[in-house]
Protein backbone atom coordinates (compact mmCIF):
# COMPACT_ATOMS: atom_id res chain seq x y z
CA MET A 1 164.93 80.94 93.12
CA SER A 2 163.51 82.56 96.29
CA LEU A 3 162.20 85.50 94.35
CA LEU A 4 160.60 83.43 91.87
CA VAL A 5 159.00 81.30 94.66
CA LEU A 6 157.51 84.39 96.43
CA LEU A 7 156.23 85.79 93.26
CA THR A 8 154.43 82.29 92.54
CA ASN A 9 153.03 82.44 95.98
CA THR A 10 151.47 85.90 95.73
CA GLY A 11 149.64 85.11 92.57
CA PHE A 12 152.09 86.14 89.95
CA GLU A 13 150.84 83.27 87.64
CA SER A 14 147.34 84.80 87.76
CA VAL A 15 148.55 88.33 86.94
CA ALA A 16 150.53 86.29 83.85
CA GLY A 17 147.16 85.41 82.53
CA SER A 18 145.75 88.92 82.64
CA ALA A 19 145.01 91.26 79.95
CA LEU A 20 148.01 92.91 80.38
CA PHE A 21 150.56 90.27 80.07
CA THR A 22 148.50 88.54 77.04
CA ASN A 23 147.49 91.59 75.13
CA THR A 24 148.39 90.97 71.30
CA GLN A 25 149.24 94.63 71.19
CA VAL A 26 151.84 94.49 73.56
CA PRO A 27 154.60 93.22 71.00
CA VAL A 28 153.49 96.34 68.75
CA PHE A 29 154.43 98.62 71.49
CA LEU A 30 157.66 97.04 72.55
CA SER A 31 158.67 97.02 69.05
CA GLY A 32 158.37 100.70 68.79
CA ALA A 33 160.02 101.50 72.26
CA VAL A 34 162.71 99.47 71.29
CA LEU A 35 163.26 101.16 67.74
CA MET A 36 162.90 104.66 69.53
CA SER A 37 165.24 104.05 72.38
CA MET A 38 167.98 102.45 70.09
CA VAL A 39 167.80 105.37 67.74
CA CYS A 40 168.28 107.66 70.56
CA ALA A 41 171.15 105.55 71.92
CA LEU A 42 172.79 105.56 68.80
CA CYS A 43 172.61 109.20 68.46
CA VAL A 44 174.46 109.68 71.79
CA ALA A 45 177.14 106.69 71.51
CA LYS A 46 180.52 107.76 69.91
CA GLN A 47 182.30 104.62 69.80
CA ALA A 48 182.01 102.03 66.67
CA THR A 49 181.90 99.12 69.09
CA LEU A 50 178.98 100.14 71.26
CA ARG A 51 177.01 101.25 68.12
CA LEU A 52 177.27 98.15 66.54
CA SER A 53 176.24 96.24 69.75
CA TYR A 54 173.20 98.60 70.15
CA ILE A 55 172.26 97.91 66.52
CA ILE A 56 172.61 94.03 67.11
CA ASN A 57 170.55 93.90 70.19
CA ALA A 58 167.99 95.89 68.58
CA PHE A 59 167.83 93.71 65.70
CA ILE A 60 167.40 90.60 67.55
CA ALA A 61 164.73 92.16 69.98
CA LEU A 62 162.84 93.18 66.51
CA ALA A 63 163.31 89.66 65.38
CA LEU A 64 161.95 88.05 68.67
CA LEU A 65 158.99 90.37 68.74
CA SER A 66 158.01 89.76 65.08
CA PHE A 67 158.19 86.12 64.36
CA HIS A 68 160.20 84.47 67.33
CA PRO A 69 162.59 82.14 65.37
CA PRO A 70 164.05 79.02 67.19
CA TYR A 71 166.49 79.94 69.94
CA ILE A 72 166.42 83.62 69.32
CA GLU A 73 166.14 84.09 73.43
CA LEU A 74 169.42 82.67 73.53
CA LEU A 75 170.87 84.81 70.82
CA LEU A 76 169.46 87.83 72.68
CA ALA A 77 171.18 86.59 75.87
CA LEU A 78 174.51 86.43 74.36
CA ALA A 79 174.17 89.96 72.63
CA THR A 80 173.20 91.37 76.14
CA VAL A 81 176.40 89.71 77.78
CA THR A 82 178.50 90.94 75.02
CA HIS A 83 177.11 94.58 75.36
CA VAL A 84 178.03 94.37 79.35
CA TRP A 85 181.58 93.21 78.41
CA LEU A 86 182.02 96.13 76.15
CA VAL A 87 180.53 98.64 78.66
CA SER A 88 183.11 97.26 81.27
CA LYS A 89 185.77 98.48 79.33
CA GLN A 90 184.48 102.16 79.15
CA ASN A 91 185.48 103.01 82.76
CA ASN A 92 181.74 104.35 83.22
CA TRP A 93 180.11 102.92 86.34
CA THR A 94 176.65 104.24 85.43
CA MET A 95 176.49 102.66 82.21
CA LEU A 96 177.84 99.66 83.66
CA SER A 97 175.33 99.28 86.64
CA ILE A 98 172.39 99.89 84.10
CA SER A 99 173.86 97.27 81.83
CA PHE A 100 174.15 94.77 84.71
CA ALA A 101 170.54 95.54 85.78
CA ALA A 102 169.47 94.82 82.16
CA ALA A 103 170.83 91.44 82.18
CA LEU A 104 169.61 90.56 85.56
CA CYS A 105 166.08 91.38 84.26
CA PHE A 106 166.81 89.43 81.40
CA LEU A 107 167.65 86.39 83.59
CA ILE A 108 164.36 86.97 85.82
CA LEU A 109 161.91 87.31 82.85
CA TYR A 110 163.46 84.16 81.04
CA ALA A 111 162.98 82.29 84.14
CA ALA A 112 159.53 83.51 84.66
CA ASN A 113 158.84 82.35 81.16
CA GLY A 114 159.75 78.81 81.99
CA LEU A 115 157.94 78.81 85.30
CA VAL A 116 154.86 80.66 84.81
CA ALA A 117 154.40 80.88 81.24
CA LEU A 118 155.26 84.46 81.01
CA PRO A 119 154.98 85.46 77.25
CA ILE A 120 158.58 85.52 75.70
CA HIS A 121 158.01 88.89 74.24
CA TRP A 122 158.51 90.36 77.91
CA LEU A 123 162.16 89.53 77.39
CA VAL A 124 162.73 92.69 75.30
CA VAL A 125 162.12 94.86 78.53
CA ALA A 126 165.85 93.96 79.34
CA THR A 127 166.69 95.35 75.87
CA LEU A 128 164.73 98.70 76.45
CA ILE A 129 167.13 98.85 79.83
CA LEU A 130 170.13 98.11 78.09
CA ALA A 131 169.42 100.94 75.63
CA SER A 132 168.83 103.56 78.47
CA SER A 133 172.68 102.88 79.64
CA GLY A 134 173.65 104.70 76.47
CA TYR A 135 171.93 108.10 77.63
CA PHE A 136 174.89 108.40 80.38
CA ILE A 137 177.79 107.82 77.78
CA ASP A 138 178.69 111.68 78.31
CA GLU A 139 179.65 110.97 81.90
CA GLU A 140 183.06 109.44 80.47
CA PRO A 141 186.14 111.40 80.76
CA ALA A 142 186.59 114.15 78.28
CA ASP A 143 190.00 113.06 77.60
CA ASP A 144 190.65 109.68 75.98
CA ILE A 145 193.67 110.70 74.23
CA GLU A 146 196.00 108.62 76.28
CA PRO A 147 195.96 106.69 79.41
CA ASN A 148 196.44 108.49 82.49
CA ALA A 149 196.02 111.79 80.95
CA VAL A 150 194.64 114.64 82.70
CA VAL A 151 192.98 117.51 81.11
CA ASN A 152 191.75 120.20 83.18
CA GLU A 153 189.48 123.36 82.37
CA HIS A 154 192.59 125.59 82.33
CA ALA A 155 193.93 123.12 79.55
CA LEU A 156 190.97 123.61 77.67
CA THR A 157 190.47 127.38 77.79
CA LEU A 158 194.45 128.03 77.04
CA SER A 159 196.78 126.29 74.54
CA PRO A 160 198.07 123.28 75.77
CA LEU A 161 201.39 124.60 74.36
CA ALA A 162 201.30 127.87 76.35
CA SER A 163 203.63 126.27 78.86
CA PHE A 164 206.65 125.96 76.46
CA PRO A 165 209.08 128.66 76.15
CA ASN A 166 208.62 130.49 72.71
CA ARG A 167 211.42 131.39 70.21
CA THR A 168 211.95 134.79 71.68
CA GLN A 169 212.81 133.02 75.08
CA LEU A 170 214.79 130.28 73.25
CA GLN A 171 216.88 133.26 71.64
CA ALA A 172 217.35 134.99 75.06
CA TYR A 173 218.78 131.94 76.71
CA PHE A 174 220.84 131.05 74.00
CA TYR A 175 222.84 134.48 74.12
CA HIS A 176 222.91 134.20 77.93
CA TRP A 177 224.30 130.77 77.81
CA ARG A 178 226.93 131.73 75.04
CA GLU A 179 228.04 134.76 76.93
CA GLU A 180 228.62 132.65 80.15
CA ALA A 181 231.63 131.24 78.64
CA PRO A 182 232.87 129.66 75.24
CA HIS A 183 230.96 126.52 74.30
CA MET A 184 230.80 123.92 71.65
CA GLY A 185 227.20 123.15 70.99
CA ALA A 186 224.45 122.15 68.62
CA LEU A 187 220.90 123.66 67.94
CA VAL A 188 218.30 121.09 67.33
CA ILE A 189 215.14 121.37 65.83
CA ILE A 190 212.40 118.69 66.01
CA ARG A 191 209.26 118.77 63.52
CA LEU A 192 206.61 116.43 64.37
CA GLU A 193 204.30 114.90 61.60
CA GLY A 194 200.92 112.84 61.35
CA PHE A 195 198.79 115.66 62.77
CA ALA A 196 196.68 116.30 59.52
CA GLU A 197 194.69 113.32 60.35
CA VAL A 198 194.16 114.20 64.05
CA ASN A 199 192.89 117.48 63.07
CA GLN A 200 190.57 116.08 60.07
CA HIS A 201 189.14 113.39 62.25
CA ILE A 202 188.77 114.87 65.79
CA GLY A 203 189.45 118.53 65.56
CA ARG A 204 192.13 121.20 66.20
CA ASP A 205 191.54 121.27 69.81
CA PHE A 206 192.37 117.46 70.16
CA GLY A 207 195.21 118.00 68.05
CA ASP A 208 196.86 120.49 69.98
CA LEU A 209 196.58 118.23 73.05
CA LEU A 210 198.08 115.34 71.35
CA LEU A 211 200.88 117.68 70.02
CA ALA A 212 201.46 118.93 73.71
CA GLN A 213 201.54 115.23 74.93
CA SER A 214 204.10 114.38 72.33
CA ALA A 215 206.24 117.43 73.20
CA ASN A 216 205.99 116.45 77.09
CA ARG A 217 207.71 112.82 75.71
CA ILE A 218 210.52 114.63 74.01
CA LYS A 219 210.79 117.08 77.27
CA GLU A 220 211.27 113.90 79.54
CA LEU A 221 214.23 112.92 77.52
CA LEU A 222 215.78 116.25 77.74
CA MET A 223 216.22 116.42 81.51
CA LEU A 224 220.13 116.57 81.48
CA ASP A 225 222.67 119.12 82.57
CA GLU A 226 224.17 119.18 79.08
CA VAL A 227 220.76 120.52 77.43
CA VAL A 228 220.36 124.38 78.04
CA SER A 229 218.05 125.24 80.53
CA LEU A 230 215.27 127.73 79.42
CA GLY A 231 214.16 128.84 82.95
CA SER A 232 212.95 126.77 85.74
CA SER A 233 212.95 123.17 84.56
CA GLU A 234 212.11 124.03 80.80
CA LYS A 235 214.35 122.49 78.25
CA LEU A 236 212.27 122.26 75.13
CA ALA A 237 210.96 125.42 73.19
CA HIS A 238 208.14 125.82 70.70
CA LEU A 239 208.85 127.51 67.75
CA GLY A 240 205.43 127.47 66.22
CA GLY A 241 203.17 124.91 64.40
CA LEU A 242 204.69 121.55 64.69
CA ASN A 243 208.45 122.75 65.35
CA PHE A 244 210.39 122.46 68.66
CA ALA A 245 213.97 123.27 69.71
CA PHE A 246 216.47 122.89 72.17
CA ILE A 247 220.11 123.65 72.67
CA CYS A 248 222.70 121.03 73.48
CA SER A 249 225.99 121.49 74.85
CA LEU A 250 228.91 119.15 73.46
CA ASP A 251 231.65 120.61 75.72
CA ASN A 252 231.90 116.94 77.26
CA GLN A 253 230.26 114.72 74.51
CA ASN A 254 230.68 115.49 71.10
CA HIS A 255 227.85 113.28 69.81
CA LEU A 256 225.54 113.78 72.46
CA HIS A 257 223.00 115.70 70.34
CA GLU A 258 222.84 112.79 67.94
CA GLN A 259 221.96 110.30 70.83
CA LEU A 260 219.39 112.55 71.95
CA ILE A 261 217.91 112.72 68.77
CA ASP A 262 217.93 108.89 68.34
CA ARG A 263 215.89 108.48 71.69
CA ILE A 264 213.45 111.37 70.72
CA LEU A 265 212.57 109.72 67.42
CA GLY A 266 212.18 106.37 69.21
CA ALA A 267 209.96 107.94 71.85
CA THR A 268 207.65 109.62 69.19
CA LEU A 269 206.93 106.12 67.33
CA LYS A 270 204.69 105.19 70.23
CA PRO A 271 200.91 105.40 68.77
CA PHE A 272 198.00 107.24 70.22
CA ASN A 273 194.31 106.04 70.32
CA VAL A 274 192.26 109.00 69.58
CA ALA A 275 188.39 108.77 69.30
CA ASN A 276 188.76 105.27 67.77
CA CYS A 277 191.58 106.32 65.56
CA THR A 278 194.94 105.20 65.85
CA ILE A 279 197.49 108.16 65.24
CA GLU A 280 201.11 107.45 64.46
CA VAL A 281 203.12 110.73 65.49
CA LYS A 282 206.40 110.68 63.28
CA ALA A 283 209.25 113.06 63.80
CA ARG A 284 212.15 114.54 61.73
CA ALA A 285 215.11 116.10 63.06
CA SER A 286 217.84 118.55 61.95
CA PHE A 287 220.67 120.09 63.63
CA VAL A 288 223.56 122.92 63.14
CA LYS A 289 226.69 123.33 65.26
CA CYS A 290 226.98 126.67 67.00
CA ASP A 291 230.73 126.80 68.10
CA THR A 292 231.28 130.19 66.98
CA ASP A 293 230.31 133.56 68.66
CA GLU A 294 229.91 135.10 65.29
CA VAL A 295 227.08 133.19 63.93
CA SER A 296 223.48 134.60 65.13
CA PHE A 297 220.62 133.01 66.47
CA ASP A 298 218.34 133.83 63.61
CA SER A 299 221.12 132.37 61.21
CA LEU A 300 221.27 128.99 63.33
CA ILE A 301 217.32 128.81 63.18
CA SER A 302 217.36 129.55 59.33
CA HIS A 303 220.23 127.06 58.78
CA ALA A 304 218.50 124.20 60.90
CA TYR A 305 215.27 124.80 59.00
CA LEU A 306 216.95 124.75 55.56
CA ALA A 307 218.30 121.22 56.15
CA LEU A 308 214.97 120.02 56.89
CA ASP A 309 213.28 121.36 53.95
CA SER A 310 216.33 120.54 51.72
CA GLN A 311 216.19 116.77 52.08
CA PRO A 312 212.49 116.02 53.06
CA ASN A 313 213.06 112.14 52.56
CA LYS A 314 215.56 112.14 55.38
CA GLN A 315 214.69 111.53 59.05
CA ILE A 316 218.05 113.27 60.39
CA VAL A 317 219.68 115.95 58.69
CA ALA A 318 222.65 117.79 59.56
CA TYR A 319 223.34 121.24 58.17
CA GLN A 320 226.04 121.70 55.71
CA GLN A 321 227.49 124.83 54.06
CA HIS A 322 226.81 123.52 50.50
CA MET A 323 222.71 123.67 51.27
CA MET A 324 222.99 127.40 51.49
CA VAL A 325 224.68 127.70 48.08
CA GLU A 326 222.36 125.33 46.69
CA ARG A 327 219.35 127.10 48.14
CA LEU A 328 220.67 130.45 46.78
CA GLU A 329 221.42 128.93 43.25
CA GLN A 330 218.08 127.60 43.13
CA GLN A 331 216.42 130.85 44.04
CA ALA A 332 218.58 132.55 41.21
CA ARG A 333 217.37 129.74 38.65
CA LEU A 334 213.57 130.31 39.82
CA LYS A 335 213.96 133.94 39.28
CA GLU A 336 215.55 133.08 35.69
CA LEU A 337 212.62 130.60 34.68
CA ALA A 338 210.16 133.31 35.79
CA SER A 339 211.10 134.95 32.46
CA ILE A 340 212.72 131.97 30.30
CA ASP A 341 212.17 131.74 26.42
CA PHE A 342 211.93 128.13 25.84
CA SER A 343 212.52 128.42 22.15
CA SER A 344 215.96 130.48 22.67
CA GLU A 345 217.25 129.13 25.85
CA LEU A 346 216.17 125.30 25.92
CA GLU A 347 217.41 122.77 23.38
CA LEU A 348 216.88 119.16 22.71
CA TYR A 349 219.93 116.79 22.71
CA PHE A 350 219.49 113.29 21.57
CA GLN A 351 220.93 109.82 22.45
CA PRO A 352 220.30 106.53 20.36
CA ILE A 353 218.80 103.42 21.67
CA ILE A 354 220.32 100.32 20.06
CA ARG A 355 218.81 96.91 19.52
CA SER A 356 220.68 94.22 20.69
CA ALA A 357 219.72 92.03 17.68
CA ASP A 358 220.87 93.93 14.63
CA GLU A 359 222.84 96.92 16.33
CA ASN A 360 220.28 99.41 14.68
CA ILE A 361 218.47 102.09 16.38
CA GLU A 362 215.03 101.54 17.64
CA PHE A 363 214.53 105.06 18.50
CA LEU A 364 216.12 108.31 19.69
CA GLU A 365 215.56 109.84 23.15
CA LEU A 366 215.45 113.55 23.31
CA LEU A 367 217.03 115.13 26.37
CA LEU A 368 216.45 118.55 27.52
CA ARG A 369 219.19 121.13 27.95
CA TRP A 370 219.19 124.49 29.33
CA GLN A 371 221.77 127.03 27.80
CA HIS A 372 222.28 128.79 31.24
CA PRO A 373 223.89 132.39 30.72
CA LYS A 374 226.04 131.90 33.66
CA GLN A 375 226.50 128.35 34.45
CA GLY A 376 226.81 126.87 30.85
CA ILE A 377 224.72 123.96 29.49
CA LEU A 378 222.80 122.27 32.17
CA SER A 379 221.22 118.83 31.90
CA ALA A 380 217.57 118.42 32.98
CA ASN A 381 218.15 116.75 36.21
CA ARG A 382 219.92 120.26 37.38
CA PHE A 383 216.50 122.22 37.08
CA ILE A 384 213.60 119.55 36.66
CA ASP A 385 212.57 120.44 40.12
CA ASP A 386 212.71 124.00 39.78
CA ILE A 387 210.33 123.71 36.61
CA ARG A 388 207.85 122.07 38.71
CA ILE A 389 208.28 124.75 41.56
CA ALA A 390 207.75 127.50 38.75
CA GLY A 391 204.83 125.89 37.38
CA LEU A 392 206.11 125.17 34.25
CA ALA A 393 205.56 121.70 33.70
CA TYR A 394 202.87 121.39 31.45
CA PRO A 395 203.96 124.39 29.20
CA LEU A 396 207.39 122.88 29.01
CA ALA A 397 205.93 119.53 27.89
CA GLU A 398 203.89 121.39 25.10
CA PHE A 399 207.23 122.86 24.02
CA VAL A 400 209.11 119.52 23.75
CA ILE A 401 206.19 117.62 22.26
CA GLU A 402 205.90 120.42 19.40
CA ARG A 403 209.69 120.50 18.98
CA ALA A 404 209.59 116.57 18.73
CA ALA A 405 206.79 116.55 15.88
CA GLU A 406 208.81 119.10 14.02
CA LEU A 407 212.18 116.90 14.09
CA ILE A 408 210.04 114.10 13.14
CA MET A 409 208.88 115.83 9.91
CA ALA A 410 212.20 117.11 9.24
CA LEU A 411 213.53 113.58 9.40
CA ARG A 412 210.69 112.09 7.15
CA MET A 413 211.60 114.74 4.43
CA GLU A 414 214.98 113.22 4.46
CA GLY A 415 213.65 109.95 3.74
CA ILE A 416 214.45 108.85 7.59
CA LYS A 417 211.53 107.10 9.48
CA MET A 418 212.98 107.26 13.14
CA PRO A 419 210.72 107.24 16.30
CA LEU A 420 211.60 110.05 19.13
CA SER A 421 211.07 109.63 22.60
CA ILE A 422 210.49 112.52 25.14
CA ASN A 423 210.40 112.71 28.81
CA VAL A 424 207.51 114.30 30.84
CA PHE A 425 206.99 114.60 34.54
CA GLY A 426 203.71 112.16 34.28
CA SER A 427 201.17 114.28 36.22
CA GLU A 428 200.80 116.73 33.34
CA MET A 429 199.79 114.18 30.91
CA LEU A 430 196.93 112.65 32.94
CA ASN A 431 194.31 115.35 32.02
CA GLU A 432 192.02 115.89 29.14
CA GLU A 433 193.93 119.03 28.05
CA PHE A 434 197.12 116.92 27.38
CA ILE A 435 195.00 114.31 25.54
CA SER A 436 193.77 117.13 23.29
CA PHE A 437 196.83 118.61 22.44
CA ILE A 438 198.47 115.49 21.61
CA ASP A 439 195.77 114.79 19.26
CA GLN A 440 196.24 118.22 17.60
CA VAL A 441 199.83 117.69 17.31
CA PHE A 442 199.49 114.39 15.64
CA ASN A 443 196.87 115.83 13.13
CA GLU A 444 198.88 119.24 12.43
CA HIS A 445 202.18 117.24 11.77
CA LYS A 446 200.70 114.24 10.08
CA LEU A 447 202.41 112.01 12.64
CA LEU A 448 202.06 108.29 12.39
CA PRO A 449 201.24 105.64 15.14
CA GLY A 450 204.40 104.84 16.77
CA ASP A 451 206.33 108.26 15.56
CA LEU A 452 206.11 109.55 19.21
CA ILE A 453 207.07 107.85 22.43
CA ILE A 454 206.49 109.11 25.97
CA GLU A 455 208.86 108.29 28.53
CA CYS A 456 207.24 108.64 32.16
CA PRO A 457 208.81 107.67 35.78
CA LEU A 458 207.81 104.43 37.24
CA GLU A 459 206.20 106.25 40.18
CA VAL A 460 203.51 107.60 37.96
CA PHE A 461 202.64 104.23 36.51
CA LEU A 462 202.45 102.67 40.15
CA ASN A 463 200.12 105.39 41.65
CA LEU A 464 197.58 105.53 38.60
CA ASP A 465 193.91 105.35 39.56
CA ALA A 466 191.22 104.27 37.25
CA GLN A 467 190.99 107.44 35.52
CA GLY A 468 194.74 107.77 35.06
CA LYS A 469 194.68 104.27 33.36
CA ALA A 470 192.31 105.27 31.16
CA MET A 471 194.19 108.47 30.05
CA VAL A 472 197.23 106.03 29.21
CA ALA A 473 195.07 103.85 27.23
CA ARG A 474 193.67 107.01 25.12
CA LEU A 475 197.21 107.98 24.51
CA SER A 476 198.12 104.44 23.22
CA SER A 477 194.86 104.62 20.95
CA GLN A 478 196.11 107.79 19.60
CA GLY A 479 199.31 106.15 18.18
CA VAL A 480 201.57 107.31 21.30
CA LYS A 481 203.92 104.39 22.56
CA MET A 482 204.42 104.42 26.44
CA CYS A 483 207.95 103.86 28.32
CA VAL A 484 208.27 102.97 31.79
CA ASP A 485 211.72 104.87 32.84
CA GLY A 486 213.65 104.00 35.92
CA LEU A 487 212.77 100.39 36.72
CA GLY A 488 214.85 98.78 39.40
CA ASP A 489 213.71 100.05 42.64
CA SER A 490 211.88 97.00 43.82
CA PRO A 491 210.89 93.97 41.61
CA VAL A 492 207.60 93.72 43.73
CA TRP A 493 206.35 96.69 42.03
CA LEU A 494 206.01 95.05 38.81
CA ALA A 495 202.89 93.36 39.57
CA LYS A 496 201.15 96.60 39.01
CA LEU A 497 202.28 97.08 35.41
CA PRO A 498 200.72 94.12 33.26
CA ASN A 499 197.38 96.09 33.18
CA LEU A 500 199.02 98.95 31.37
CA ALA A 501 199.79 99.17 27.62
CA VAL A 502 203.51 99.67 28.01
CA GLU A 503 205.60 99.38 24.87
CA TYR A 504 209.14 99.75 26.47
CA VAL A 505 210.44 99.43 30.17
CA LYS A 506 213.88 100.93 30.77
CA VAL A 507 216.06 99.20 33.56
CA ALA A 508 217.64 101.83 35.98
CA PRO A 509 221.37 102.06 35.42
CA SER A 510 222.29 101.33 38.99
CA LEU A 511 221.52 97.66 38.25
CA THR A 512 224.34 97.46 35.67
CA ALA A 513 226.75 99.82 37.09
CA ASP A 514 228.70 97.40 39.26
CA PHE A 515 227.18 94.13 38.34
CA SER A 516 230.59 92.44 38.33
CA GLN A 517 231.04 92.85 42.15
CA GLN A 518 227.49 91.58 42.88
CA GLY A 519 226.33 88.34 42.19
CA HIS A 520 222.63 88.77 42.92
CA ILE A 521 222.19 91.38 40.30
CA ARG A 522 222.15 88.84 37.44
CA SER A 523 219.44 86.96 38.79
CA LEU A 524 217.55 90.14 39.78
CA VAL A 525 217.90 91.91 36.57
CA SER A 526 217.26 88.62 34.59
CA GLY A 527 213.80 88.15 36.59
CA MET A 528 212.74 91.54 35.49
CA VAL A 529 213.75 90.82 31.94
CA GLU A 530 212.05 87.85 31.65
CA MET A 531 208.97 88.95 33.18
CA HIS A 532 208.70 91.79 30.68
CA ASN A 533 209.51 89.58 27.72
CA GLN A 534 206.55 87.35 28.56
CA GLN A 535 204.18 90.55 28.66
CA ASN A 536 205.65 91.58 25.18
CA SER A 537 207.28 94.77 26.61
CA LYS A 538 210.55 95.33 25.16
CA VAL A 539 213.26 95.81 27.94
CA ILE A 540 216.10 98.53 27.42
CA CYS A 541 219.05 98.31 29.71
CA GLU A 542 220.22 102.36 30.44
CA GLY A 543 223.71 103.36 31.41
CA VAL A 544 225.94 101.03 29.19
CA GLU A 545 229.28 102.63 29.09
CA THR A 546 231.79 99.59 28.51
CA GLN A 547 231.82 96.75 26.30
CA GLU A 548 231.54 94.42 29.71
CA GLN A 549 228.06 96.19 30.55
CA LEU A 550 227.12 95.44 27.14
CA ASN A 551 228.15 91.90 27.14
CA PHE A 552 225.96 91.87 30.52
CA ALA A 553 223.22 93.37 29.11
CA ASN A 554 223.07 91.01 26.02
CA SER A 555 223.15 87.72 28.07
CA LEU A 556 220.02 88.77 29.79
CA ASN A 557 218.29 88.91 26.42
CA VAL A 558 217.33 92.60 26.60
CA PHE A 559 215.94 94.22 23.72
CA ALA A 560 218.09 97.14 23.55
CA ALA A 561 220.34 99.27 25.40
CA GLN A 562 221.68 102.89 25.75
CA GLY A 563 224.52 104.84 27.05
CA TYR A 564 227.89 106.39 26.57
CA TYR A 565 229.12 103.37 25.07
CA PHE A 566 227.20 104.11 21.61
CA SER A 567 227.07 107.90 21.88
CA HIS A 568 226.95 110.81 24.27
CA PRO A 569 224.08 113.07 24.06
CA LEU A 570 224.45 115.21 21.15
CA SER A 571 222.64 118.31 19.97
CA SER A 572 219.54 117.83 17.90
CA VAL A 573 220.91 120.58 15.24
CA GLY A 574 223.01 117.88 14.02
CA MET A 575 220.51 114.97 14.13
CA ILE A 576 219.98 114.33 10.42
CA THR A 577 223.84 114.39 9.74
CA TRP A 578 224.50 112.00 12.63
CA LEU A 579 221.83 109.51 11.54
CA LYS A 580 222.78 109.40 7.92
CA GLN A 581 226.66 108.74 8.99
CA TRP A 582 225.26 106.18 11.27
CA GLN A 583 223.60 104.45 8.58
CA ILE A 584 226.48 104.67 6.26
CA GLU A 585 228.66 103.08 8.99
CA HIS A 586 226.22 100.14 9.83
CA SER A 587 225.11 99.45 6.47
């Protein structure tokens, strides 16, 4: 107030009436100045909240200069105070000082407007000062990855992981530890995940810093005498990429390595806030016992990696001997698949789907079998993943559909009208080439609508985008009926299915395998069946092997059932004979 009195006594009122303060071109000049200064501030500001604050202040200031709506100066005051509050959280004293100066300037100019009739557009000067605070934003610390983190020039020029022992050092200390005395121990590999988003949004350099900080969290948990030292105070080795390892002695505690893994996985769950992105770092672990002197270090590392890769959905994996056997078998199968002849080595079996109402056949499901030269007849679940890895999913789908069309024609020539269903992975049918192939098969083999049914895993239907739904609709318009296979993992997912043209829905065998011991199974499955009955989808109960399971399925009002109770899978070579015999027995 004393400042205002002083200004008044020195003739401030006469100055306010001068040409400078009353010139009508001043608002135009101030508008341009606000626009230019805010654009510059926005180019410098990195945080979204500060950018939004600058935009709001500029918008209100321009509104005040243009048409001065009621109470606009109060709104500008609120925006200025909010900006000061946001800047106070940045730990940048230069920005904070300038922002406070802008707020003080606003108060003085607003008071001058009330006391000496200073034109209201001069309040925008405070906004110009506020915008200038953005030019000092680069004075913030370069490291905002984690509180209390310190990044020096040496860390920026060298890899943040350079201080960790590498694989060669880990190997040397492993052999040294084992030569000292016989030990019971475990080699543990920790694989960190979730860094793809970091590298994408803020760059590889910051990703490495975040990786190093995650590794430091792990290292702090390993400061025990039982963890083998790798020189000085180091306990954790960096194997490369996102993989770390340590060796744990089990001489005193047989399960110490498992306890350490649990602590490490819990510590890595704490999220990081990096450049306005909340990053969740996850971890997986595998371990292999190293209690014999005969096993080499390279074998232990290989076994630990194999455990991680063989079960990607498990967080903690212990290496088992059968994993190596399965890997060798898979490698052999992949080698054989590279030169496989579908027509001579693959065969289609069939299994009937029996309607509950009249016990007649609704359709036959074709099941793929591999006549393996060494392992005999293999069901599809034994080699289906290998088909994907070998890149044979689409060619195999074409082979199966072509063979199914030939079987449909053969049945029709015998006077038997029987739809056939085939199983596909799902992804191969969501492209234009597949749609064209189906259309070609229908035309060449004179198939009728409903002759061919495509069974697809539930996961495919749950993850369909707009284009995928359009592909499914086109298949339906061509006369192909769709069947959801494996329903039963979660009833919440059912809400995603009504928009699809699904003719059949198969309930997973796991829901009826042990229903007699689980009272909640009946209500769960019953709710699924009722929901799909209301959607005009025909529910099929899979895995029916006994009369009790069939009675349970019928009590749920399912449309049909399938399983060993009716028939084991049979070779399609005898399909016509089997169908004629079935018709005779059930006529």
